[in-house]
Amino acid sequence: MNQKNSFIAPQLNFRRACLSDSDRLLGWRNDPDARINFFNTNEVSQANHEAWFFDVLQNKNQILYIIETRGCLPIGQMRFDIDGECAEISITIGKKYRGRGYGSEAIRQGTRLFFQENIGVKSIIAQIKNINEISIRSFIRAGFMMSASMANTTKLILMK
């Protein structure tokens, strides 16, 4: 087998975010390379982030996971916003870990865990800026299907 073309999927850990993750999440959120792919590209202040983060941790319809390597090294975050039988997903992989295959594998493993923990949810949608082709490909590799394509946004869906 050609080693350059082979890929062994990393086993990842997912844990619920806690207050001590706040600074790390803000750093990932304000990374300029990540922000260009967000719908709101503005930098977020510490005060606004802390208010948002506290609300997310208290909201039973929002699930925020920290994605970690097997060695418990935090590499990203994955959030689900639940609305009835549907949830919307967002994910950020930290700058040092992008381009290593973590994205699609995190989506695959994280959505499987989310469906197991939230049996009432039947589908997960991802809304991605069309310029973020890498993310679109990662979601498709993880099993999402194209649902709609608008002027600036691609919508993908994963059914339980």
Protein backbone atom coordinates (compact mmCIF):
# COMPACT_ATOMS: atom_id res chain seq x y z
CA MET A 1 0.00 0.00 0.00
CA ASN A 2 1.24 3.50 -0.82
CA GLN A 3 1.89 5.18 2.54
CA LYS A 4 1.30 8.69 1.15
CA ASN A 5 -2.26 7.83 0.16
CA SER A 6 -3.12 5.80 3.25
CA PHE A 7 -4.84 7.29 6.24
CA ILE A 8 -5.58 5.74 9.60
CA ALA A 9 -8.55 7.44 11.20
CA PRO A 10 -7.63 8.88 14.58
CA GLN A 11 -9.72 7.81 17.54
CA LEU A 12 -10.99 10.99 19.15
CA ASN A 13 -12.51 11.78 22.51
CA PHE A 14 -15.44 14.14 22.99
CA ARG A 15 -16.21 15.75 26.30
CA ARG A 16 -18.68 18.43 27.30
CA ALA A 17 -17.16 21.88 27.47
CA CYS A 18 -16.68 23.39 30.93
CA LEU A 19 -15.84 26.86 32.25
CA SER A 20 -12.10 26.18 32.09
CA ASP A 21 -12.37 25.84 28.26
CA SER A 22 -13.45 29.46 27.81
CA ASP A 23 -10.10 31.00 26.83
CA ARG A 24 -9.25 28.18 24.44
CA LEU A 25 -12.63 28.50 22.71
CA LEU A 26 -12.22 32.26 22.38
CA GLY A 27 -8.79 31.73 20.80
CA TRP A 28 -10.24 29.31 18.26
CA ARG A 29 -13.16 31.68 17.59
CA ASN A 30 -10.92 34.69 16.99
CA ASP A 31 -8.35 32.91 14.81
CA PRO A 32 -8.33 35.02 11.59
CA ASP A 33 -7.99 31.91 9.38
CA ALA A 34 -11.12 30.44 10.94
CA ARG A 35 -13.11 33.69 11.10
CA ILE A 36 -13.17 34.11 7.31
CA ASN A 37 -15.36 31.00 7.19
CA PHE A 38 -17.81 32.15 9.89
CA PHE A 39 -21.05 33.91 9.00
CA ASN A 40 -20.12 36.58 11.55
CA THR A 41 -16.47 37.34 10.78
CA ASN A 42 -16.04 39.99 13.51
CA GLU A 43 -13.60 39.37 16.32
CA VAL A 44 -15.42 38.61 19.59
CA SER A 45 -14.52 40.43 22.81
CA GLN A 46 -13.70 38.55 26.00
CA ALA A 47 -16.85 39.92 27.70
CA ASN A 48 -19.17 38.95 24.82
CA HIS A 49 -17.59 35.52 24.57
CA GLU A 50 -17.96 34.85 28.28
CA ALA A 51 -21.65 35.85 28.23
CA TRP A 52 -22.27 33.62 25.16
CA PHE A 53 -20.28 30.73 26.64
CA PHE A 54 -22.12 30.83 29.96
CA ASP A 55 -25.47 30.82 28.10
CA VAL A 56 -24.42 27.84 25.97
CA LEU A 57 -23.35 25.85 29.02
CA GLN A 58 -26.75 26.50 30.64
CA ASN A 59 -28.90 25.83 27.56
CA LYS A 60 -30.26 22.27 27.36
CA ASN A 61 -30.79 22.71 23.59
CA GLN A 62 -27.11 23.42 22.93
CA ILE A 63 -24.44 20.77 23.25
CA LEU A 64 -20.82 21.93 23.13
CA TYR A 65 -18.12 19.27 22.90
CA ILE A 66 -14.38 19.70 23.12
CA ILE A 67 -12.68 17.40 20.61
CA GLU A 68 -9.54 15.76 21.98
CA THR A 69 -6.92 13.32 20.76
CA ARG A 70 -6.54 10.01 22.58
CA GLY A 71 -3.89 11.74 24.70
CA CYS A 72 -6.53 14.28 25.87
CA LEU A 73 -5.00 17.09 23.78
CA PRO A 74 -7.79 19.58 22.85
CA ILE A 75 -7.84 20.09 19.07
CA GLY A 76 -11.24 21.69 18.41
CA GLN A 77 -14.87 22.18 19.30
CA MET A 78 -18.18 20.92 17.99
CA ARG A 79 -21.52 22.51 18.84
CA PHE A 80 -25.05 21.28 18.22
CA ASP A 81 -28.07 23.60 18.42
CA ILE A 82 -31.17 21.45 18.85
CA ASP A 83 -34.57 22.49 17.48
CA GLY A 84 -37.06 19.66 17.92
CA GLU A 85 -36.04 16.66 15.81
CA CYS A 86 -33.30 18.60 14.01
CA ALA A 87 -29.96 19.97 15.15
CA GLU A 88 -27.52 22.32 13.47
CA ILE A 89 -23.81 21.54 13.78
CA SER A 90 -20.79 23.83 13.84
CA ILE A 91 -17.18 22.76 14.20
CA THR A 92 -13.80 24.40 14.52
CA ILE A 93 -10.48 22.60 14.43
CA GLY A 94 -7.57 24.48 15.99
CA LYS A 95 -5.04 25.96 13.58
CA LYS A 96 -2.21 23.55 14.49
CA TYR A 97 -4.42 20.54 13.71
CA ARG A 98 -6.00 21.56 10.40
CA GLY A 99 -5.11 19.56 7.30
CA ARG A 100 -4.40 16.37 9.25
CA GLY A 101 -7.70 14.56 8.62
CA TYR A 102 -9.23 15.43 11.98
CA GLY A 103 -12.17 17.39 10.53
CA SER A 104 -14.13 14.67 8.73
CA GLU A 105 -13.28 12.09 11.38
CA ALA A 106 -14.40 14.43 14.17
CA ILE A 107 -17.66 15.06 12.30
CA ARG A 108 -18.20 11.31 11.80
CA GLN A 109 -17.46 10.35 15.41
CA GLY A 110 -19.10 13.43 16.96
CA THR A 111 -22.39 13.07 15.09
CA ARG A 112 -22.53 9.37 16.01
CA LEU A 113 -22.09 10.27 19.70
CA PHE A 114 -24.60 13.12 19.45
CA PHE A 115 -27.28 10.85 17.91
CA GLN A 116 -26.67 8.26 20.68
CA GLU A 117 -27.05 10.87 23.42
CA ASN A 118 -30.04 12.65 21.80
CA ILE A 119 -32.41 9.93 20.65
CA GLY A 120 -35.17 12.40 19.74
CA VAL A 121 -33.02 14.12 17.11
CA LYS A 122 -33.53 12.63 13.63
CA SER A 123 -31.32 14.86 11.47
CA ILE A 124 -28.34 17.20 11.65
CA ILE A 125 -27.80 20.08 9.24
CA ALA A 126 -24.65 21.99 8.43
CA GLN A 127 -24.72 25.41 6.80
CA ILE A 128 -21.38 26.33 5.29
CA LYS A 129 -20.14 29.28 3.29
CA ASN A 130 -19.55 28.23 -0.32
CA ILE A 131 -15.98 29.57 -0.14
CA ASN A 132 -15.21 26.99 2.56
CA GLU A 133 -14.75 24.08 0.16
CA ILE A 134 -12.55 22.13 2.58
CA SER A 135 -15.31 22.07 5.19
CA ILE A 136 -17.94 21.08 2.62
CA ARG A 137 -15.73 18.15 1.53
CA SER A 138 -15.15 17.15 5.17
CA PHE A 139 -18.88 16.96 5.85
CA ILE A 140 -19.50 14.96 2.68
CA ARG A 141 -16.69 12.52 3.62
CA ALA A 142 -18.37 12.17 7.02
CA GLY A 143 -21.64 11.07 5.39
CA PHE A 144 -23.58 14.32 4.96
CA MET A 145 -25.60 14.80 1.77
CA MET A 146 -26.16 18.01 -0.18
CA SER A 147 -29.53 19.49 0.73
CA ALA A 148 -29.48 22.94 -0.89
CA SER A 149 -27.09 25.43 -2.40
CA MET A 150 -27.82 29.13 -2.21
CA ALA A 151 -25.85 32.11 -3.48
CA ASN A 152 -23.35 32.09 -0.59
CA THR A 153 -24.24 29.01 1.43
CA THR A 154 -24.30 25.24 1.05
CA LYS A 155 -26.66 23.26 3.27
CA LEU A 156 -25.87 19.63 4.02
CA ILE A 157 -27.88 17.07 6.00
CA LEU A 158 -27.21 13.84 7.87
CA MET A 159 -30.16 11.61 8.73
CA LYS A 160 -30.13 9.26 11.73
